[in-house]
């Protein structure tokens, strides 16, 4: 499930598109770059749960 979410994020979300493109530009394999997007997505979702925020919101104490 996270794989397909990362594929969509890499195609449609500008932050993840730039991240994926930067990794590909650095010579990473496509699957490795997509796995990095999965991990980044998981870290963001974990942070959202911890702070009780919705997608697109910033945590109250975020810098």
Protein backbone atom coordinates (compact mmCIF):
# COMPACT_ATOMS: atom_id res chain seq x y z
CA UNK A 1 0.00 0.00 0.00
CA UNK A 2 2.82 2.41 0.83
CA UNK A 3 4.48 1.60 -2.49
CA UNK A 4 1.48 2.78 -4.50
CA UNK A 5 1.12 5.87 -2.29
CA UNK A 6 4.78 6.68 -2.96
CA UNK A 7 4.33 6.20 -6.71
CA UNK A 8 1.43 8.65 -6.67
CA UNK A 9 3.34 11.09 -4.47
CA UNK A 10 6.40 10.93 -6.74
CA UNK A 11 4.21 11.78 -9.72
CA UNK A 12 1.78 14.33 -8.26
CA UNK A 13 3.20 15.92 -5.09
CA UNK A 14 5.81 18.59 -5.91
CA UNK A 15 7.87 17.89 -2.77
CA UNK A 16 8.11 14.17 -3.48
CA UNK A 17 8.61 14.75 -7.23
CA UNK A 18 11.61 16.96 -6.50
CA UNK A 19 12.98 14.48 -3.93
CA UNK A 20 12.58 11.54 -6.33
CA UNK A 21 14.14 13.49 -9.21
CA UNK A 22 17.08 14.55 -7.04
CA UNK A 23 17.76 10.92 -6.10
CA UNK A 24 17.52 9.76 -9.71
CA UNK A 25 19.84 12.62 -10.71
CA UNK A 26 22.34 11.44 -8.09
CA UNK A 27 22.47 8.06 -9.82
CA UNK A 28 20.18 6.02 -7.59
CA UNK A 29 18.17 3.22 -9.13
CA UNK A 30 14.47 3.92 -9.60
CA UNK A 31 13.38 1.31 -7.07
CA UNK A 32 15.86 2.62 -4.51
CA UNK A 33 14.62 6.19 -5.02
CA UNK A 34 11.01 5.05 -4.70
CA UNK A 35 11.86 3.14 -1.52
CA UNK A 36 13.33 6.36 -0.14
CA UNK A 37 10.03 8.09 -0.98
CA UNK A 38 8.17 5.33 0.90
CA UNK A 39 10.35 5.91 3.94
CA UNK A 40 9.92 9.71 3.73
CA UNK A 41 6.15 9.28 3.44
CA UNK A 42 6.13 6.94 6.44
CA UNK A 43 8.16 9.42 8.52
CA UNK A 44 5.75 12.24 7.62
CA UNK A 45 2.70 10.12 8.45
CA UNK A 46 4.23 9.08 11.78
CA UNK A 47 4.87 12.73 12.61
CA UNK A 48 1.29 13.62 11.68
CA UNK A 49 -0.03 10.98 14.08
CA UNK A 50 2.30 12.10 16.85
CA UNK A 51 1.30 15.78 16.54
CA UNK A 52 -2.35 15.20 15.65
CA UNK A 53 -2.17 17.21 12.42
CA UNK A 54 -3.80 16.71 9.05
CA UNK A 55 -2.07 16.50 5.68
CA UNK A 56 -0.86 19.97 4.68
CA UNK A 57 -0.97 21.40 8.20
CA UNK A 58 2.13 22.19 10.18
CA UNK A 59 2.60 21.03 13.75
CA UNK A 60 2.15 23.90 16.25
CA UNK A 61 5.80 23.76 17.34
CA UNK A 62 7.26 22.97 13.90
CA UNK A 63 10.11 25.09 12.66
